[in-house]
mmCIF file of all heavy atoms, coordinates in Angstrom:
data_MODEL
# 
_entry.id   MODEL 
# 
loop_
_atom_site.group_PDB 
_atom_site.id 
_atom_site.type_symbol 
_atom_site.label_atom_id 
_atom_site.label_alt_id 
_atom_site.label_comp_id 
_atom_site.label_asym_id 
_atom_site.label_entity_id 
_atom_site.label_seq_id 
_atom_site.pdbx_PDB_ins_code 
_atom_site.Cartn_x 
_atom_site.Cartn_y 
_atom_site.Cartn_z 
_atom_site.occupancy 
_atom_site.B_iso_or_equiv 
_atom_site.pdbx_formal_charge 
_atom_site.auth_seq_id 
_atom_site.auth_comp_id 
_atom_site.auth_asym_id 
_atom_site.auth_atom_id 
_atom_site.pdbx_PDB_model_num 
ATOM 1   N N   . GLY A 1 1  ? -3.171  -7.133 -24.333 1.00 0.00 ? 1  GLY A N   1 
ATOM 2   C CA  . GLY A 1 1  ? -2.502  -6.381 -23.267 1.00 0.00 ? 1  GLY A CA  1 
ATOM 3   C C   . GLY A 1 1  ? -2.437  -7.166 -21.967 1.00 0.00 ? 1  GLY A C   1 
ATOM 4   O O   . GLY A 1 1  ? -3.193  -8.163 -21.755 1.00 0.00 ? 1  GLY A O   1 
ATOM 5   N N   . SER A 1 2  ? -1.606  -6.750 -21.029 1.00 0.00 ? 2  SER A N   1 
ATOM 6   C CA  . SER A 1 2  ? -1.434  -7.413 -19.766 1.00 0.00 ? 2  SER A CA  1 
ATOM 7   C C   . SER A 1 2  ? -2.585  -7.034 -18.841 1.00 0.00 ? 2  SER A C   1 
ATOM 8   O O   . SER A 1 2  ? -2.957  -5.866 -18.719 1.00 0.00 ? 2  SER A O   1 
ATOM 9   C CB  . SER A 1 2  ? -0.115  -7.001 -19.149 1.00 0.00 ? 2  SER A CB  1 
ATOM 10  O OG  . SER A 1 2  ? 0.021   -7.567 -17.873 1.00 0.00 ? 2  SER A OG  1 
ATOM 11  N N   . ARG A 1 3  ? -3.076  -8.072 -18.165 1.00 0.00 ? 3  ARG A N   1 
ATOM 12  C CA  . ARG A 1 3  ? -4.159  -7.847 -17.139 1.00 0.00 ? 3  ARG A CA  1 
ATOM 13  C C   . ARG A 1 3  ? -3.562  -7.128 -15.924 1.00 0.00 ? 3  ARG A C   1 
ATOM 14  O O   . ARG A 1 3  ? -4.309  -6.540 -15.144 1.00 0.00 ? 3  ARG A O   1 
ATOM 15  C CB  . ARG A 1 3  ? -4.685  -9.215 -16.742 1.00 0.00 ? 3  ARG A CB  1 
ATOM 16  C CG  . ARG A 1 3  ? -5.957  -9.177 -15.852 1.00 0.00 ? 3  ARG A CG  1 
ATOM 17  C CD  . ARG A 1 3  ? -7.154  -8.734 -16.625 1.00 0.00 ? 3  ARG A CD  1 
ATOM 18  N NE  . ARG A 1 3  ? -8.434  -8.877 -15.883 1.00 0.00 ? 3  ARG A NE  1 
ATOM 19  C CZ  . ARG A 1 3  ? -9.571  -8.528 -16.342 1.00 0.00 ? 3  ARG A CZ  1 
ATOM 20  N NH1 . ARG A 1 3  ? -9.707  -7.961 -17.518 1.00 0.00 ? 3  ARG A NH1 1 
ATOM 21  N NH2 . ARG A 1 3  ? -10.657 -8.665 -15.607 1.00 0.00 ? 3  ARG A NH2 1 
ATOM 22  N N   . THR A 1 4  ? -2.232  -7.157 -15.745 1.00 0.00 ? 4  THR A N   1 
ATOM 23  C CA  . THR A 1 4  ? -1.643  -6.562 -14.539 1.00 0.00 ? 4  THR A CA  1 
ATOM 24  C C   . THR A 1 4  ? -1.678  -5.047 -14.533 1.00 0.00 ? 4  THR A C   1 
ATOM 25  O O   . THR A 1 4  ? -1.384  -4.458 -13.527 1.00 0.00 ? 4  THR A O   1 
ATOM 26  C CB  . THR A 1 4  ? -0.195  -7.070 -14.390 1.00 0.00 ? 4  THR A CB  1 
ATOM 27  O OG1 . THR A 1 4  ? 0.557   -6.641 -15.552 1.00 0.00 ? 4  THR A OG1 1 
ATOM 28  C CG2 . THR A 1 4  ? -0.111  -8.549 -14.229 1.00 0.00 ? 4  THR A CG2 1 
ATOM 29  N N   . GLN A 1 5  ? -2.002  -4.397 -15.696 1.00 0.00 ? 5  GLN A N   1 
ATOM 30  C CA  . GLN A 1 5  ? -2.028  -2.954 -15.700 1.00 0.00 ? 5  GLN A CA  1 
ATOM 31  C C   . GLN A 1 5  ? -2.939  -2.372 -14.637 1.00 0.00 ? 5  GLN A C   1 
ATOM 32  O O   . GLN A 1 5  ? -2.637  -1.400 -13.985 1.00 0.00 ? 5  GLN A O   1 
ATOM 33  C CB  . GLN A 1 5  ? -2.430  -2.421 -17.076 1.00 0.00 ? 5  GLN A CB  1 
ATOM 34  C CG  . GLN A 1 5  ? -2.283  -0.877 -17.185 1.00 0.00 ? 5  GLN A CG  1 
ATOM 35  C CD  . GLN A 1 5  ? -2.812  -0.307 -18.458 1.00 0.00 ? 5  GLN A CD  1 
ATOM 36  O OE1 . GLN A 1 5  ? -3.631  -0.958 -19.142 1.00 0.00 ? 5  GLN A OE1 1 
ATOM 37  N NE2 . GLN A 1 5  ? -2.394  0.919  -18.770 1.00 0.00 ? 5  GLN A NE2 1 
ATOM 38  N N   . GLU A 1 6  ? -4.074  -3.061 -14.415 1.00 0.00 ? 6  GLU A N   1 
ATOM 39  C CA  . GLU A 1 6  ? -5.022  -2.545 -13.393 1.00 0.00 ? 6  GLU A CA  1 
ATOM 40  C C   . GLU A 1 6  ? -4.376  -2.567 -12.005 1.00 0.00 ? 6  GLU A C   1 
ATOM 41  O O   . GLU A 1 6  ? -4.692  -1.681 -11.151 1.00 0.00 ? 6  GLU A O   1 
ATOM 42  C CB  . GLU A 1 6  ? -6.337  -3.303 -13.435 1.00 0.00 ? 6  GLU A CB  1 
ATOM 43  C CG  . GLU A 1 6  ? -6.291  -4.758 -12.985 1.00 0.00 ? 6  GLU A CG  1 
ATOM 44  C CD  . GLU A 1 6  ? -7.704  -5.339 -12.886 1.00 0.00 ? 6  GLU A CD  1 
ATOM 45  O OE1 . GLU A 1 6  ? -8.404  -5.522 -13.916 1.00 0.00 ? 6  GLU A OE1 1 
ATOM 46  O OE2 . GLU A 1 6  ? -8.123  -5.649 -11.755 1.00 0.00 ? 6  GLU A OE2 1 
ATOM 47  N N   . VAL A 1 7  ? -3.535  -3.546 -11.727 1.00 0.00 ? 7  VAL A N   1 
ATOM 48  C CA  . VAL A 1 7  ? -2.865  -3.600 -10.466 1.00 0.00 ? 7  VAL A CA  1 
ATOM 49  C C   . VAL A 1 7  ? -1.892  -2.440 -10.310 1.00 0.00 ? 7  VAL A C   1 
ATOM 50  O O   . VAL A 1 7  ? -1.805  -1.747 -9.316  1.00 0.00 ? 7  VAL A O   1 
ATOM 51  C CB  . VAL A 1 7  ? -2.114  -4.930 -10.287 1.00 0.00 ? 7  VAL A CB  1 
ATOM 52  C CG1 . VAL A 1 7  ? -1.385  -4.999 -8.953  1.00 0.00 ? 7  VAL A CG1 1 
ATOM 53  C CG2 . VAL A 1 7  ? -3.107  -6.096 -10.406 1.00 0.00 ? 7  VAL A CG2 1 
ATOM 54  N N   . VAL A 1 8  ? -1.102  -2.207 -11.365 1.00 0.00 ? 8  VAL A N   1 
ATOM 55  C CA  . VAL A 1 8  ? -0.118  -1.111 -11.350 1.00 0.00 ? 8  VAL A CA  1 
ATOM 56  C C   . VAL A 1 8  ? -0.772  0.259  -11.129 1.00 0.00 ? 8  VAL A C   1 
ATOM 57  O O   . VAL A 1 8  ? -0.315  1.040  -10.353 1.00 0.00 ? 8  VAL A O   1 
ATOM 58  C CB  . VAL A 1 8  ? 0.682   -1.114 -12.678 1.00 0.00 ? 8  VAL A CB  1 
ATOM 59  C CG1 . VAL A 1 8  ? 1.593   0.117  -12.729 1.00 0.00 ? 8  VAL A CG1 1 
ATOM 60  C CG2 . VAL A 1 8  ? 1.527   -2.387 -12.780 1.00 0.00 ? 8  VAL A CG2 1 
ATOM 61  N N   . VAL A 1 9  ? -1.916  0.445  -11.828 1.00 0.00 ? 9  VAL A N   1 
ATOM 62  C CA  . VAL A 1 9  ? -2.633  1.733  -11.700 1.00 0.00 ? 9  VAL A CA  1 
ATOM 63  C C   . VAL A 1 9  ? -3.136  1.886  -10.291 1.00 0.00 ? 9  VAL A C   1 
ATOM 64  O O   . VAL A 1 9  ? -3.026  2.972  -9.666  1.00 0.00 ? 9  VAL A O   1 
ATOM 65  C CB  . VAL A 1 9  ? -3.792  1.844  -12.726 1.00 0.00 ? 9  VAL A CB  1 
ATOM 66  C CG1 . VAL A 1 9  ? -4.609  3.095  -12.476 1.00 0.00 ? 9  VAL A CG1 1 
ATOM 67  C CG2 . VAL A 1 9  ? -3.200  1.883  -14.147 1.00 0.00 ? 9  VAL A CG2 1 
ATOM 68  N N   . SER A 1 10 ? -3.733  0.833  -9.701  1.00 0.00 ? 10 SER A N   1 
ATOM 69  C CA  . SER A 1 10 ? -4.228  0.887  -8.308  1.00 0.00 ? 10 SER A CA  1 
ATOM 70  C C   . SER A 1 10 ? -3.081  1.239  -7.368  1.00 0.00 ? 10 SER A C   1 
ATOM 71  O O   . SER A 1 10 ? -3.226  2.103  -6.477  1.00 0.00 ? 10 SER A O   1 
ATOM 72  C CB  . SER A 1 10 ? -4.833  -0.442 -7.892  1.00 0.00 ? 10 SER A CB  1 
ATOM 73  O OG  . SER A 1 10 ? -6.026  -0.712 -8.621  1.00 0.00 ? 10 SER A OG  1 
ATOM 74  N N   . GLN A 1 11 ? -1.938  0.604  -7.511  1.00 0.00 ? 11 GLN A N   1 
ATOM 75  C CA  . GLN A 1 11 ? -0.847  0.866  -6.643  1.00 0.00 ? 11 GLN A CA  1 
ATOM 76  C C   . GLN A 1 11 ? -0.341  2.322  -6.817  1.00 0.00 ? 11 GLN A C   1 
ATOM 77  O O   . GLN A 1 11 ? -0.018  2.982  -5.836  1.00 0.00 ? 11 GLN A O   1 
ATOM 78  C CB  . GLN A 1 11 ? 0.367   -0.084 -7.004  1.00 0.00 ? 11 GLN A CB  1 
ATOM 79  C CG  . GLN A 1 11 ? 0.090   -1.506 -6.544  1.00 0.00 ? 11 GLN A CG  1 
ATOM 80  C CD  . GLN A 1 11 ? 1.323   -2.352 -6.884  1.00 0.00 ? 11 GLN A CD  1 
ATOM 81  O OE1 . GLN A 1 11 ? 2.015   -2.163 -7.851  1.00 0.00 ? 11 GLN A OE1 1 
ATOM 82  N NE2 . GLN A 1 11 ? 1.580   -3.353 -6.061  1.00 0.00 ? 11 GLN A NE2 1 
ATOM 83  N N   . GLU A 1 12 ? -0.284  2.774  -8.056  1.00 0.00 ? 12 GLU A N   1 
ATOM 84  C CA  . GLU A 1 12 ? 0.207   4.148  -8.286  1.00 0.00 ? 12 GLU A CA  1 
ATOM 85  C C   . GLU A 1 12 ? -0.746  5.208  -7.743  1.00 0.00 ? 12 GLU A C   1 
ATOM 86  O O   . GLU A 1 12 ? -0.311  6.270  -7.261  1.00 0.00 ? 12 GLU A O   1 
ATOM 87  C CB  . GLU A 1 12 ? 0.495   4.319  -9.771  1.00 0.00 ? 12 GLU A CB  1 
ATOM 88  C CG  . GLU A 1 12 ? 1.714   3.528  -10.212 1.00 0.00 ? 12 GLU A CG  1 
ATOM 89  C CD  . GLU A 1 12 ? 2.093   3.741  -11.647 1.00 0.00 ? 12 GLU A CD  1 
ATOM 90  O OE1 . GLU A 1 12 ? 1.307   4.337  -12.418 1.00 0.00 ? 12 GLU A OE1 1 
ATOM 91  O OE2 . GLU A 1 12 ? 3.218   3.273  -12.055 1.00 0.00 ? 12 GLU A OE2 1 
ATOM 92  N N   . ILE A 1 13 ? -2.068  4.915  -7.771  1.00 0.00 ? 13 ILE A N   1 
ATOM 93  C CA  . ILE A 1 13 ? -3.010  5.865  -7.176  1.00 0.00 ? 13 ILE A CA  1 
ATOM 94  C C   . ILE A 1 13 ? -2.730  5.978  -5.686  1.00 0.00 ? 13 ILE A C   1 
ATOM 95  O O   . ILE A 1 13 ? -2.599  7.104  -5.119  1.00 0.00 ? 13 ILE A O   1 
ATOM 96  C CB  . ILE A 1 13 ? -4.457  5.398  -7.361  1.00 0.00 ? 13 ILE A CB  1 
ATOM 97  C CG1 . ILE A 1 13 ? -4.863  5.561  -8.831  1.00 0.00 ? 13 ILE A CG1 1 
ATOM 98  C CG2 . ILE A 1 13 ? -5.431  6.170  -6.466  1.00 0.00 ? 13 ILE A CG2 1 
ATOM 99  C CD1 . ILE A 1 13 ? -6.218  4.882  -9.136  1.00 0.00 ? 13 ILE A CD1 1 
ATOM 100 N N   . LEU A 1 14 ? -2.582  4.845  -5.001  1.00 0.00 ? 14 LEU A N   1 
ATOM 101 C CA  . LEU A 1 14 ? -2.339  4.850  -3.540  1.00 0.00 ? 14 LEU A CA  1 
ATOM 102 C C   . LEU A 1 14 ? -0.960  5.454  -3.244  1.00 0.00 ? 14 LEU A C   1 
ATOM 103 O O   . LEU A 1 14 ? -0.832  6.203  -2.246  1.00 0.00 ? 14 LEU A O   1 
ATOM 104 C CB  . LEU A 1 14 ? -2.425  3.454  -3.008  1.00 0.00 ? 14 LEU A CB  1 
ATOM 105 C CG  . LEU A 1 14 ? -3.823  2.790  -3.052  1.00 0.00 ? 14 LEU A CG  1 
ATOM 106 C CD1 . LEU A 1 14 ? -3.768  1.333  -2.615  1.00 0.00 ? 14 LEU A CD1 1 
ATOM 107 C CD2 . LEU A 1 14 ? -4.846  3.563  -2.211  1.00 0.00 ? 14 LEU A CD2 1 
ATOM 108 N N   . GLN A 1 15 ? 0.040   5.139  -4.030  1.00 0.00 ? 15 GLN A N   1 
ATOM 109 C CA  . GLN A 1 15 ? 1.379   5.622  -3.736  1.00 0.00 ? 15 GLN A CA  1 
ATOM 110 C C   . GLN A 1 15 ? 1.544   7.093  -3.991  1.00 0.00 ? 15 GLN A C   1 
ATOM 111 O O   . GLN A 1 15 ? 2.145   7.835  -3.208  1.00 0.00 ? 15 GLN A O   1 
ATOM 112 C CB  . GLN A 1 15 ? 2.426   4.841  -4.507  1.00 0.00 ? 15 GLN A CB  1 
ATOM 113 C CG  . GLN A 1 15 ? 3.844   5.205  -4.188  1.00 0.00 ? 15 GLN A CG  1 
ATOM 114 C CD  . GLN A 1 15 ? 4.835   4.070  -4.321  1.00 0.00 ? 15 GLN A CD  1 
ATOM 115 O OE1 . GLN A 1 15 ? 4.472   2.917  -4.510  1.00 0.00 ? 15 GLN A OE1 1 
ATOM 116 N NE2 . GLN A 1 15 ? 6.122   4.417  -4.302  1.00 0.00 ? 15 GLN A NE2 1 
ATOM 117 N N   . THR A 1 16 ? 0.976   7.566  -5.098  1.00 0.00 ? 16 THR A N   1 
ATOM 118 C CA  . THR A 1 16 ? 1.140   9.022  -5.398  1.00 0.00 ? 16 THR A CA  1 
ATOM 119 C C   . THR A 1 16 ? 0.363   9.851  -4.415  1.00 0.00 ? 16 THR A C   1 
ATOM 120 O O   . THR A 1 16 ? 0.718   11.046 -4.182  1.00 0.00 ? 16 THR A O   1 
ATOM 121 C CB  . THR A 1 16 ? 0.638   9.337  -6.832  1.00 0.00 ? 16 THR A CB  1 
ATOM 122 O OG1 . THR A 1 16 ? -0.669  8.862  -7.031  1.00 0.00 ? 16 THR A OG1 1 
ATOM 123 C CG2 . THR A 1 16 ? 1.556   8.717  -7.850  1.00 0.00 ? 16 THR A CG2 1 
ATOM 124 N N   . MET A 1 17 ? -0.631  9.281  -3.738  1.00 0.00 ? 17 MET A N   1 
ATOM 125 C CA  . MET A 1 17 ? -1.400  10.001 -2.716  1.00 0.00 ? 17 MET A CA  1 
ATOM 126 C C   . MET A 1 17 ? -0.741  9.905  -1.352  1.00 0.00 ? 17 MET A C   1 
ATOM 127 O O   . MET A 1 17 ? -1.225  10.483 -0.386  1.00 0.00 ? 17 MET A O   1 
ATOM 128 C CB  . MET A 1 17 ? -2.842  9.512  -2.654  1.00 0.00 ? 17 MET A CB  1 
ATOM 129 C CG  . MET A 1 17 ? -3.666  9.808  -3.884  1.00 0.00 ? 17 MET A CG  1 
ATOM 130 S SD  . MET A 1 17 ? -5.388  9.351  -3.658  1.00 0.00 ? 17 MET A SD  1 
ATOM 131 C CE  . MET A 1 17 ? -5.889  10.569 -2.435  1.00 0.00 ? 17 MET A CE  1 
ATOM 132 N N   . GLY A 1 18 ? 0.304   9.109  -1.274  1.00 0.00 ? 18 GLY A N   1 
ATOM 133 C CA  . GLY A 1 18 ? 1.030   8.942  0.013   1.00 0.00 ? 18 GLY A CA  1 
ATOM 134 C C   . GLY A 1 18 ? 0.328   7.980  0.957   1.00 0.00 ? 18 GLY A C   1 
ATOM 135 O O   . GLY A 1 18 ? 0.625   7.992  2.154   1.00 0.00 ? 18 GLY A O   1 
ATOM 136 N N   . LEU A 1 19 ? -0.583  7.160  0.476   1.00 0.00 ? 19 LEU A N   1 
ATOM 137 C CA  . LEU A 1 19 ? -1.329  6.216  1.311   1.00 0.00 ? 19 LEU A CA  1 
ATOM 138 C C   . LEU A 1 19 ? -0.632  4.865  1.456   1.00 0.00 ? 19 LEU A C   1 
ATOM 139 O O   . LEU A 1 19 ? -0.837  4.152  2.454   1.00 0.00 ? 19 LEU A O   1 
ATOM 140 C CB  . LEU A 1 19 ? -2.733  6.036  0.786   1.00 0.00 ? 19 LEU A CB  1 
ATOM 141 C CG  . LEU A 1 19 ? -3.597  7.307  0.672   1.00 0.00 ? 19 LEU A CG  1 
ATOM 142 C CD1 . LEU A 1 19 ? -4.958  6.961  -0.001  1.00 0.00 ? 19 LEU A CD1 1 
ATOM 143 C CD2 . LEU A 1 19 ? -3.846  7.860  2.094   1.00 0.00 ? 19 LEU A CD2 1 
ATOM 144 N N   . ARG A 1 20 ? 0.095   4.460  0.450   1.00 0.00 ? 20 ARG A N   1 
ATOM 145 C CA  . ARG A 1 20 ? 0.824   3.206  0.490   1.00 0.00 ? 20 ARG A CA  1 
ATOM 146 C C   . ARG A 1 20 ? 2.160   3.438  -0.203  1.00 0.00 ? 20 ARG A C   1 
ATOM 147 O O   . ARG A 1 20 ? 2.318   4.351  -0.986  1.00 0.00 ? 20 ARG A O   1 
ATOM 148 C CB  . ARG A 1 20 ? 0.113   2.087  -0.224  1.00 0.00 ? 20 ARG A CB  1 
ATOM 149 C CG  . ARG A 1 20 ? -1.195  1.594  0.371   1.00 0.00 ? 20 ARG A CG  1 
ATOM 150 C CD  . ARG A 1 20 ? -1.051  0.727  1.606   1.00 0.00 ? 20 ARG A CD  1 
ATOM 151 N NE  . ARG A 1 20 ? -0.287  -0.476 1.353   1.00 0.00 ? 20 ARG A NE  1 
ATOM 152 C CZ  . ARG A 1 20 ? -0.760  -1.663 0.954   1.00 0.00 ? 20 ARG A CZ  1 
ATOM 153 N NH1 . ARG A 1 20 ? -2.038  -1.796 0.685   1.00 0.00 ? 20 ARG A NH1 1 
ATOM 154 N NH2 . ARG A 1 20 ? 0.026   -2.740 0.836   1.00 0.00 ? 20 ARG A NH2 1 
ATOM 155 N N   . ALA A 1 21 ? 3.117   2.511  0.024   1.00 0.00 ? 21 ALA A N   1 
ATOM 156 C CA  . ALA A 1 21 ? 4.374   2.479  -0.726  1.00 0.00 ? 21 ALA A CA  1 
ATOM 157 C C   . ALA A 1 21 ? 4.576   1.071  -1.278  1.00 0.00 ? 21 ALA A C   1 
ATOM 158 O O   . ALA A 1 21 ? 4.641   0.127  -0.486  1.00 0.00 ? 21 ALA A O   1 
ATOM 159 C CB  . ALA A 1 21 ? 5.551   2.919  0.141   1.00 0.00 ? 21 ALA A CB  1 
ATOM 160 N N   . PHE A 1 22 ? 4.696   0.940  -2.572  1.00 0.00 ? 22 PHE A N   1 
ATOM 161 C CA  . PHE A 1 22 ? 4.801   -0.372 -3.200  1.00 0.00 ? 22 PHE A CA  1 
ATOM 162 C C   . PHE A 1 22 ? 6.152   -0.539 -3.893  1.00 0.00 ? 22 PHE A C   1 
ATOM 163 O O   . PHE A 1 22 ? 6.794   -1.565 -3.801  1.00 0.00 ? 22 PHE A O   1 
ATOM 164 C CB  . PHE A 1 22 ? 3.675   -0.584 -4.205  1.00 0.00 ? 22 PHE A CB  1 
ATOM 165 C CG  . PHE A 1 22 ? 2.324   -0.621 -3.623  1.00 0.00 ? 22 PHE A CG  1 
ATOM 166 C CD1 . PHE A 1 22 ? 1.479   0.486  -3.675  1.00 0.00 ? 22 PHE A CD1 1 
ATOM 167 C CD2 . PHE A 1 22 ? 1.791   -1.796 -3.054  1.00 0.00 ? 22 PHE A CD2 1 
ATOM 168 C CE1 . PHE A 1 22 ? 0.247   0.464  -3.109  1.00 0.00 ? 22 PHE A CE1 1 
ATOM 169 C CE2 . PHE A 1 22 ? 0.527   -1.801 -2.472  1.00 0.00 ? 22 PHE A CE2 1 
ATOM 170 C CZ  . PHE A 1 22 ? -0.252  -0.675 -2.491  1.00 0.00 ? 22 PHE A CZ  1 
ATOM 171 N N   . THR A 1 23 ? 6.506   0.461  -4.674  1.00 0.00 ? 23 THR A N   1 
ATOM 172 C CA  . THR A 1 23 ? 7.709   0.343  -5.411  1.00 0.00 ? 23 THR A CA  1 
ATOM 173 C C   . THR A 1 23 ? 8.277   1.806  -5.616  1.00 0.00 ? 23 THR A C   1 
ATOM 174 O O   . THR A 1 23 ? 7.483   2.760  -5.687  1.00 0.00 ? 23 THR A O   1 
ATOM 175 C CB  . THR A 1 23 ? 7.480   -0.278 -6.793  1.00 0.00 ? 23 THR A CB  1 
ATOM 176 O OG1 . THR A 1 23 ? 8.697   -0.597 -7.432  1.00 0.00 ? 23 THR A OG1 1 
ATOM 177 C CG2 . THR A 1 23 ? 6.662   0.606  -7.718  1.00 0.00 ? 23 THR A CG2 1 
ATOM 178 N N   . PRO A 1 24 ? 9.608   2.006  -5.704  1.00 0.00 ? 24 PRO A N   1 
ATOM 179 C CA  . PRO A 1 24 ? 10.121  3.356  -5.912  1.00 0.00 ? 24 PRO A CA  1 
ATOM 180 C C   . PRO A 1 24 ? 9.556   3.959  -7.152  1.00 0.00 ? 24 PRO A C   1 
ATOM 181 O O   . PRO A 1 24 ? 9.428   3.323  -8.209  1.00 0.00 ? 24 PRO A O   1 
ATOM 182 C CB  . PRO A 1 24 ? 11.625  3.102  -6.051  1.00 0.00 ? 24 PRO A CB  1 
ATOM 183 C CG  . PRO A 1 24 ? 11.856  1.822  -5.263  1.00 0.00 ? 24 PRO A CG  1 
ATOM 184 C CD  . PRO A 1 24 ? 10.670  0.974  -5.515  1.00 0.00 ? 24 PRO A CD  1 
ATOM 185 N N   . MET A 1 25 ? 9.175   5.238  -7.068  1.00 0.00 ? 25 MET A N   1 
ATOM 186 C CA  . MET A 1 25 ? 8.600   6.017  -8.188  1.00 0.00 ? 25 MET A CA  1 
ATOM 187 C C   . MET A 1 25 ? 9.704   6.881  -8.805  1.00 0.00 ? 25 MET A C   1 
ATOM 188 O O   . MET A 1 25 ? 10.478  7.474  -8.080  1.00 0.00 ? 25 MET A O   1 
ATOM 189 C CB  . MET A 1 25 ? 7.439   6.812  -7.741  1.00 0.00 ? 25 MET A CB  1 
ATOM 190 C CG  . MET A 1 25 ? 6.294   5.982  -7.064  1.00 0.00 ? 25 MET A CG  1 
ATOM 191 S SD  . MET A 1 25 ? 5.400   4.955  -8.205  1.00 0.00 ? 25 MET A SD  1 
ATOM 192 C CE  . MET A 1 25 ? 4.365   6.147  -9.007  1.00 0.00 ? 25 MET A CE  1 
ATOM 193 N N   . VAL A 1 26 ? 9.659   6.946  -10.120 1.00 0.00 ? 26 VAL A N   1 
ATOM 194 C CA  . VAL A 1 26 ? 10.648  7.785  -10.788 1.00 0.00 ? 26 VAL A CA  1 
ATOM 195 C C   . VAL A 1 26 ? 9.984   9.103  -11.250 1.00 0.00 ? 26 VAL A C   1 
ATOM 196 O O   . VAL A 1 26 ? 8.989   9.118  -11.974 1.00 0.00 ? 26 VAL A O   1 
ATOM 197 C CB  . VAL A 1 26 ? 11.181  7.038  -12.066 1.00 0.00 ? 26 VAL A CB  1 
ATOM 198 C CG1 . VAL A 1 26 ? 12.154  7.951  -12.794 1.00 0.00 ? 26 VAL A CG1 1 
ATOM 199 C CG2 . VAL A 1 26 ? 11.850  5.760  -11.651 1.00 0.00 ? 26 VAL A CG2 1 
ATOM 200 N N   . THR A 1 27 ? 10.539  10.191 -10.741 1.00 0.00 ? 27 THR A N   1 
ATOM 201 C CA  . THR A 1 27 ? 10.105  11.548 -11.160 1.00 0.00 ? 27 THR A CA  1 
ATOM 202 C C   . THR A 1 27 ? 10.858  11.861 -12.483 1.00 0.00 ? 27 THR A C   1 
ATOM 203 O O   . THR A 1 27 ? 12.065  11.637 -12.570 1.00 0.00 ? 27 THR A O   1 
ATOM 204 C CB  . THR A 1 27 ? 10.451  12.597 -10.126 1.00 0.00 ? 27 THR A CB  1 
ATOM 205 O OG1 . THR A 1 27 ? 9.716   12.287 -8.937  1.00 0.00 ? 27 THR A OG1 1 
ATOM 206 C CG2 . THR A 1 27 ? 10.092  13.986 -10.628 1.00 0.00 ? 27 THR A CG2 1 
ATOM 207 N N   . ALA A 1 28 ? 10.165  12.354 -13.481 1.00 0.00 ? 28 ALA A N   1 
ATOM 208 C CA  . ALA A 1 28 ? 10.789  12.724 -14.722 1.00 0.00 ? 28 ALA A CA  1 
ATOM 209 C C   . ALA A 1 28 ? 10.064  13.914 -15.329 1.00 0.00 ? 28 ALA A C   1 
ATOM 210 O O   . ALA A 1 28 ? 8.878   14.067 -15.209 1.00 0.00 ? 28 ALA A O   1 
ATOM 211 C CB  . ALA A 1 28 ? 10.777  11.562 -15.713 1.00 0.00 ? 28 ALA A CB  1 
# 
């Protein structure tokens, strides 16, 4: 598996909480 998954999860924690913005998030 890709080592980068931990980075994506960290970013998504911060972004979904409204603390940072890294990449557009898709609501589905």
